[in-house]
Structures are given as C-alpha cells and as structure tokens.
C-alpha cells in the first residue's frame, strides 16, 4: 500500500548546514546534532568569516549556569524586577546583528535549557528583543553516543533539528 508520508534525509554536509543557518537562522533556530568531533563547534568561526559585519556570541552550555546568561535586577522606581542579559549577548552594540551559538545545548542543566527557550523561539533575552537579523543555532551530540545530551520534547520542538 502506498504511503502519503514524505521522508527527508536528516544528514547534511557542514557546508549545507552553514548555508541553512545563514538562510533561515534569523527565523528558526537550527539544532545541529552530530557525532563527537564532527566539527559542529567550528561552525561559528565559519559563519563569522562569511558574515564579517555580525558580532558573535558563543555560549558553552555545558559550562554555564543560569547567572551566566542573565541576572535579576531590581527596578526600585516601579517596584519590579527584570532580567539583565549577560554581556555575551552583546546588546550594547545596539543595532548590529549577531550570530548566537548555543554549543553543547543537550549537556546544559534543565533550568539553563529552559531559560534559553525564549531566545530560541521568541528571539528575546528577558524583556529585551535581540536584533531581528541575528542568527541563532545550537549544537548537541547524538543521544546514542551516551555523553549526556538530553533535550525535553518541548525544547526540541522549538528548533529545526538536522
């Protein structure tokens, strides 16, 4: 019996992956899932060379804690708090797009992954929107390699996994 399902190949080359991030990384977060040592972490350098007018923000998610991304700040005048983004987000550069790489996303603690979800989907850090032309992508190892890369379904659904 014929199936109406369309299946796509999940494997793409590094050059194709970089082209994909350049093409849609401002609208969709690309999650690059691959073997250890396949060059995933080198993609930021390649993107930076291809887009010299973009600033870069590298986040080694396996080594970060929540306070490394944002910290609560008291707004005494309004008696409220908001989160101030870490300088790694480069928001002080004003109207300049960035390339944000969330490396080893699957190894990040669950609270840290949850804190990054608004960046991945809504393109904001706390209350601050990132530049609309900024590119966002993440990397993780294959789960079958057994090195601790785990993603919750609601986090994985916010990205295009290749």
Protein backbone atom coordinates (compact mmCIF):
# COMPACT_ATOMS: atom_id res chain seq x y z
CA UNK A 1 0.00 0.00 0.00
CA UNK A 2 1.36 3.44 -0.93
CA UNK A 3 2.12 5.89 1.85
CA UNK A 4 1.38 9.60 1.76
CA UNK A 5 4.30 10.32 4.08
CA UNK A 6 7.26 12.27 2.79
CA UNK A 7 10.61 11.38 4.33
CA UNK A 8 13.57 13.72 4.26
CA UNK A 9 17.19 12.80 4.77
CA UNK A 10 18.47 14.10 8.12
CA UNK A 11 22.13 14.13 7.17
CA UNK A 12 23.53 17.23 5.53
CA UNK A 13 27.08 18.38 4.93
CA UNK A 14 28.76 21.04 7.05
CA UNK A 15 28.62 23.49 4.12
CA UNK A 16 24.89 22.80 3.69
CA UNK A 17 24.35 23.28 7.41
CA UNK A 18 26.12 26.64 7.39
CA UNK A 19 24.09 27.71 4.34
CA UNK A 20 20.90 26.66 6.14
CA UNK A 21 21.77 28.72 9.22
CA UNK A 22 22.59 31.74 7.03
CA UNK A 23 19.29 31.32 5.16
CA UNK A 24 16.81 30.75 8.00
CA UNK A 25 18.72 31.27 11.26
CA UNK A 26 17.02 34.62 11.79
CA UNK A 27 13.58 32.98 11.75
CA UNK A 28 14.16 29.45 13.04
CA UNK A 29 16.73 28.04 15.41
CA UNK A 30 18.72 25.25 13.80
CA UNK A 31 19.81 22.43 16.15
CA UNK A 32 22.83 20.67 14.68
CA UNK A 33 23.00 17.16 16.07
CA UNK A 34 26.07 15.12 15.23
CA UNK A 35 28.88 12.82 16.23
CA UNK A 36 31.63 13.94 18.58
CA UNK A 37 34.43 15.58 16.64
CA UNK A 38 32.34 16.22 13.52
CA UNK A 39 33.11 19.96 13.52
CA UNK A 40 29.88 21.33 14.98
CA UNK A 41 31.69 23.74 17.28
CA UNK A 42 33.70 25.13 14.33
CA UNK A 43 30.63 26.41 12.54
CA UNK A 44 30.60 29.72 14.43
CA UNK A 45 34.04 30.54 13.06
CA UNK A 46 32.92 29.73 9.51
CA UNK A 47 29.75 31.80 9.87
CA UNK A 48 31.73 34.68 11.35
CA UNK A 49 34.09 34.67 8.35
CA UNK A 50 31.15 34.56 5.93
CA UNK A 51 29.31 37.37 7.75
CA UNK A 52 32.01 39.80 8.96
CA UNK A 53 29.51 42.54 9.89
CA UNK A 54 27.88 40.31 12.51
CA UNK A 55 29.05 40.14 16.11
CA UNK A 56 29.28 36.67 17.65
CA UNK A 57 28.03 35.27 20.90
CA UNK A 58 29.36 31.86 21.95
CA UNK A 59 27.66 30.02 24.81
CA UNK A 60 29.32 26.80 26.02
CA UNK A 61 26.15 25.45 27.61
CA UNK A 62 27.89 22.56 29.37
CA UNK A 63 29.95 25.04 31.42
CA UNK A 64 27.36 27.73 32.16
CA UNK A 65 24.89 28.36 34.95
CA UNK A 66 21.74 30.47 34.93
CA UNK A 67 23.56 33.55 36.23
CA UNK A 68 25.94 33.35 33.27
CA UNK A 69 23.06 34.22 30.92
CA UNK A 70 21.04 36.77 32.85
CA UNK A 71 20.64 38.17 36.34
CA UNK A 72 17.62 39.67 38.05
CA UNK A 73 17.83 43.42 38.56
CA UNK A 74 15.57 45.41 40.88
CA UNK A 75 13.78 48.38 39.35
CA UNK A 76 13.12 50.35 42.54
CA UNK A 77 11.11 53.07 40.86
CA UNK A 78 8.50 50.57 39.62
CA UNK A 79 8.97 48.04 42.43
CA UNK A 80 9.62 45.30 39.89
CA UNK A 81 12.44 43.07 38.77
CA UNK A 82 13.62 42.24 35.29
CA UNK A 83 16.47 40.16 33.91
CA UNK A 84 19.57 41.86 32.60
CA UNK A 85 21.27 39.87 29.83
CA UNK A 86 24.91 38.89 30.14
CA UNK A 87 27.39 40.90 28.06
CA UNK A 88 27.86 37.76 25.93
CA UNK A 89 24.62 38.71 24.18
CA UNK A 90 26.33 41.91 23.02
CA UNK A 91 23.25 44.08 23.31
CA UNK A 92 25.43 47.10 23.98
CA UNK A 93 26.39 47.00 20.29
CA UNK A 94 22.99 48.49 19.51
CA UNK A 95 21.73 47.95 16.01
CA UNK A 96 24.15 45.21 14.99
CA UNK A 97 23.05 41.66 14.22
CA UNK A 98 24.71 38.76 16.00
CA UNK A 99 25.36 35.10 15.42
CA UNK A 100 24.48 33.27 18.63
CA UNK A 101 25.75 29.73 19.09
CA UNK A 102 24.46 27.63 21.98
CA UNK A 103 27.09 24.88 21.90
CA UNK A 104 26.52 21.56 23.69
CA UNK A 105 22.89 22.54 24.35
CA UNK A 106 21.95 18.97 25.27
CA UNK A 107 24.51 18.96 28.10
CA UNK A 108 23.12 22.10 29.76
CA UNK A 109 21.23 21.76 33.02
CA UNK A 110 17.48 21.62 32.64
CA UNK A 111 16.92 25.08 34.24
CA UNK A 112 19.52 26.57 31.88
CA UNK A 113 17.87 24.97 28.84
CA UNK A 114 14.50 26.33 29.97
CA UNK A 115 15.95 29.83 30.42
CA UNK A 116 17.28 29.79 26.84
CA UNK A 117 13.96 28.74 25.26
CA UNK A 118 12.69 32.35 24.83
CA UNK A 119 15.92 33.17 22.98
CA UNK A 120 15.49 30.19 20.68
CA UNK A 121 11.83 30.74 19.84
CA UNK A 122 10.84 34.30 20.69
CA UNK A 123 14.19 35.95 19.99
CA UNK A 124 14.33 37.71 23.35
CA UNK A 125 16.50 37.72 26.48
CA UNK A 126 14.30 38.62 29.42
CA UNK A 127 12.32 41.62 28.19
CA UNK A 128 14.88 42.62 25.55
CA UNK A 129 14.43 41.60 21.93
CA UNK A 130 17.53 40.64 20.02
CA UNK A 131 18.31 42.22 16.65
CA UNK A 132 15.84 40.79 14.07
CA UNK A 133 18.60 39.82 11.62
CA UNK A 134 20.52 37.86 14.26
CA UNK A 135 21.16 34.18 13.55
CA UNK A 136 20.65 31.58 16.27
CA UNK A 137 21.75 27.96 16.25
CA UNK A 138 22.59 25.24 18.74
CA UNK A 139 24.62 22.06 18.72
CA UNK A 140 24.40 18.77 20.55
CA UNK A 141 25.85 15.29 20.30
CA UNK A 142 23.86 12.27 19.24
CA UNK A 143 21.98 10.73 22.18
CA UNK A 144 23.23 7.29 21.16
CA UNK A 145 26.80 8.34 21.99
CA UNK A 146 25.96 8.29 25.68
CA UNK A 147 27.69 11.55 26.63
CA UNK A 148 24.71 13.05 28.43
CA UNK A 149 22.94 15.05 25.72
CA UNK A 150 19.26 15.20 26.61
CA UNK A 151 16.53 17.52 25.39
CA UNK A 152 12.98 17.78 26.64
CA UNK A 153 10.37 17.40 23.88
CA UNK A 154 9.09 20.95 24.38
CA UNK A 155 12.63 22.29 23.92
CA UNK A 156 13.34 20.14 20.84
CA UNK A 157 10.05 21.24 19.24
CA UNK A 158 11.24 24.86 19.23
CA UNK A 159 14.07 24.07 16.83
CA UNK A 160 14.70 22.56 13.41
CA UNK A 161 16.89 19.53 14.06
CA UNK A 162 19.41 18.50 11.40
